Protein backbone atom coordinates (compact mmCIF):
# COMPACT_ATOMS: atom_id res chain seq x y z
CA UNK A 1 -0.08 -0.16 -0.14
CA UNK A 2 3.01 2.80 0.46
CA UNK A 3 3.87 1.85 -2.93
CA UNK A 4 0.25 3.12 -3.80
CA UNK A 5 -0.18 6.66 -5.58
CA UNK A 6 -2.01 8.42 -2.91
CA UNK A 7 -5.11 8.99 -4.77
CA UNK A 8 -5.94 5.95 -5.76
CA UNK A 9 -8.32 4.21 -4.04
CA UNK A 10 -7.73 0.20 -2.98
CA UNK A 11 -10.43 -2.30 -1.91
CA UNK A 12 -9.50 -5.32 -0.49
CA UNK A 13 -12.67 -8.28 -1.60
CA UNK A 14 -13.92 -9.77 1.90
CA UNK A 15 -13.32 -13.25 0.26
CA UNK A 16 -10.17 -14.55 -1.37
CA UNK A 17 -10.72 -16.00 -4.67
CA UNK A 18 -8.02 -14.69 -6.88
CA UNK A 19 -8.16 -10.66 -6.10
CA UNK A 20 -6.37 -9.10 -3.26
CA UNK A 21 -7.08 -5.79 -4.14
CA UNK A 22 -8.71 -4.14 -6.38
CA UNK A 23 -7.79 -0.47 -7.61
CA UNK A 24 -9.05 2.20 -8.56
CA UNK A 25 -6.61 4.43 -10.76
CA UNK A 26 -6.90 7.84 -10.28
CA UNK A 27 -5.08 10.50 -13.40
CA UNK A 28 -4.59 14.17 -13.05
CA UNK A 29 -6.94 14.24 -10.06
CA UNK A 30 -10.01 12.34 -12.04
CA UNK A 31 -10.84 9.12 -11.67
CA UNK A 32 -11.87 7.65 -15.07
CA UNK A 33 -13.25 3.80 -15.09
CA UNK A 34 -9.66 2.19 -15.20
CA UNK A 35 -9.13 -0.55 -12.89
CA UNK A 36 -6.90 -3.02 -11.69
CA UNK A 37 -6.17 -6.33 -9.61
CA UNK A 38 -3.87 -7.04 -7.75
CA UNK A 39 -2.84 -10.46 -6.36
CA UNK A 40 -0.32 -10.83 -3.77
CA UNK A 41 1.85 -13.33 -2.49
CA UNK A 42 4.49 -13.66 0.30
CA UNK A 43 7.57 -15.82 1.04
CA UNK A 44 10.58 -15.00 4.42
CA UNK A 45 13.04 -15.70 1.85
CA UNK A 46 13.83 -15.63 -2.15
CA UNK A 47 13.45 -18.07 -4.70
CA UNK A 48 15.97 -17.15 -6.80
CA UNK A 49 16.26 -18.55 -10.32
CA UNK A 50 18.68 -16.77 -13.07
CA UNK A 51 17.93 -13.85 -11.67
CA UNK A 52 14.24 -14.46 -11.51
CA UNK A 53 12.19 -14.65 -8.28
CA UNK A 54 10.00 -17.85 -8.72
CA UNK A 55 6.44 -18.72 -6.49
CA UNK A 56 3.86 -21.38 -7.03
CA UNK A 57 0.56 -20.49 -8.09
CA UNK A 58 -2.55 -22.76 -8.46
CA UNK A 59 -3.50 -23.24 -11.96
CA UNK A 60 -7.02 -22.38 -10.61
CA UNK A 61 -6.19 -18.98 -9.83
CA UNK A 62 -4.01 -18.09 -12.84
CA UNK A 63 -7.19 -19.62 -14.98
CA UNK A 64 -9.62 -17.45 -12.98
CA UNK A 65 -6.73 -13.74 -13.19
CA UNK A 66 -6.82 -14.27 -17.13
CA UNK A 67 -10.61 -15.14 -17.77
CA UNK A 68 -11.03 -11.82 -15.88
CA UNK A 69 -11.41 -8.37 -18.49
CA UNK A 70 -9.48 -6.77 -16.58
CA UNK A 71 -5.12 -5.84 -16.11
CA UNK A 72 -4.12 -7.83 -13.13
CA UNK A 73 -0.68 -7.09 -11.15
CA UNK A 74 1.08 -9.83 -9.35
CA UNK A 75 3.12 -9.16 -6.33
CA UNK A 76 5.50 -11.11 -3.91
CA UNK A 77 6.85 -9.45 -0.84
CA UNK A 78 9.77 -11.07 0.08
CA UNK A 79 10.17 -10.72 4.30
CA UNK A 80 13.85 -10.23 4.57
CA UNK A 81 14.54 -7.85 1.76
CA UNK A 82 11.60 -5.65 2.37
CA UNK A 83 11.14 -5.38 -1.09
CA UNK A 84 8.03 -6.46 -3.29
CA UNK A 85 8.66 -7.27 -7.25
CA UNK A 86 5.87 -7.45 -9.63
CA UNK A 87 5.07 -8.87 -13.09
CA UNK A 88 2.44 -8.27 -15.14
CA UNK A 89 0.02 -11.61 -15.56
CA UNK A 90 -0.39 -10.97 -19.30
CA UNK A 91 4.00 -11.76 -18.68
CA UNK A 92 3.06 -15.13 -17.25
CA UNK A 93 4.44 -18.16 -18.99
CA UNK A 94 1.12 -19.96 -18.83
CA UNK A 95 1.67 -23.67 -17.37
CA UNK A 96 2.56 -26.27 -19.67
CA UNK A 97 0.25 -28.73 -18.93
CA UNK A 98 -3.60 -27.27 -17.76
CA UNK A 99 -4.37 -29.88 -15.31
CA UNK A 100 -1.10 -29.60 -13.18
CA UNK A 101 -2.22 -28.22 -10.08
CA UNK A 102 0.36 -25.62 -9.44
CA UNK A 103 3.17 -24.10 -11.82
CA UNK A 104 6.16 -21.35 -11.00
CA UNK A 105 6.39 -18.06 -11.88
CA UNK A 106 8.69 -15.93 -12.35
CA UNK A 107 9.81 -12.01 -11.28
CA UNK A 108 11.89 -10.02 -13.37
CA UNK A 109 14.45 -8.73 -9.81
CA UNK A 110 14.66 -5.38 -11.59
CA UNK A 111 10.91 -5.73 -11.09
CA UNK A 112 11.19 -3.80 -7.57
CA UNK A 113 7.82 -2.61 -6.25
CA UNK A 114 9.34 0.10 -4.60
CA UNK A 115 10.94 1.31 -7.88
CA UNK A 116 7.90 1.36 -10.12
CA UNK A 117 7.13 3.84 -12.43
CA UNK A 118 2.93 3.68 -12.31
CA UNK A 119 2.72 5.84 -15.73
CA UNK A 120 3.43 2.62 -17.84
CA UNK A 121 1.33 0.97 -15.77
CA UNK A 122 -1.56 3.47 -16.29
CA UNK A 123 -0.58 3.80 -19.85
CA UNK A 124 -1.09 -0.66 -20.08
CA UNK A 125 -3.98 -0.08 -18.57
CA UNK A 126 -5.61 2.43 -20.77
CA UNK A 127 -4.48 0.43 -23.77
CA UNK A 128 -6.37 -2.51 -22.51
CA UNK A 129 -9.20 -0.21 -21.48
CA UNK A 130 -9.93 1.67 -25.45
CA UNK A 131 -9.43 -1.93 -26.96
CA UNK A 132 -11.75 -3.21 -24.76
CA UNK A 133 -14.72 0.15 -25.21
CA UNK A 134 -13.40 0.25 -29.37
CA UNK A 135 -14.63 -3.25 -29.40
CA UNK A 136 -18.18 -3.23 -27.15
CA UNK A 137 -19.13 0.49 -29.24
CA UNK A 138 -18.53 -1.09 -32.44
CA UNK A 139 -20.79 -4.44 -31.76
CA UNK A 140 -23.42 -1.97 -30.43
CA UNK A 141 -23.10 -0.04 -33.19
CA UNK A 142 -23.30 -3.01 -35.75
CA UNK A 143 -26.45 -4.38 -33.81
CA UNK A 144 -28.07 -1.17 -33.55
CA UNK A 145 -27.65 -0.90 -37.49
């Protein structure tokens, strides 16, 4: 929470089913229907392979998040480093076998949450949102013609 922009609204779902935080993005003092989901993970120590932090994720959680229309940011906090690392769900390699229960996801060690450029995240959320809206509007226009 300490790394979020102050004017963003963070809400915590009452039930834990894959979404730990819902963030409503404020741009230049205005809320413009931009939001994203945050899935939080943590560990006491790091689990590094090839300069990437690793963490197991349930395939069912991945599938739930993947099917969601909102952008998903996954964050892993490492207690003994007092640092968190992030990745966008779009950058996670999907499980090799969809029938397996868990699979490993990787966080680039350069993606420190303490150094995140929120403007890049906002721009990506804006791109995704604009594509969804354009698609919906085109379908609605087609249906009304």
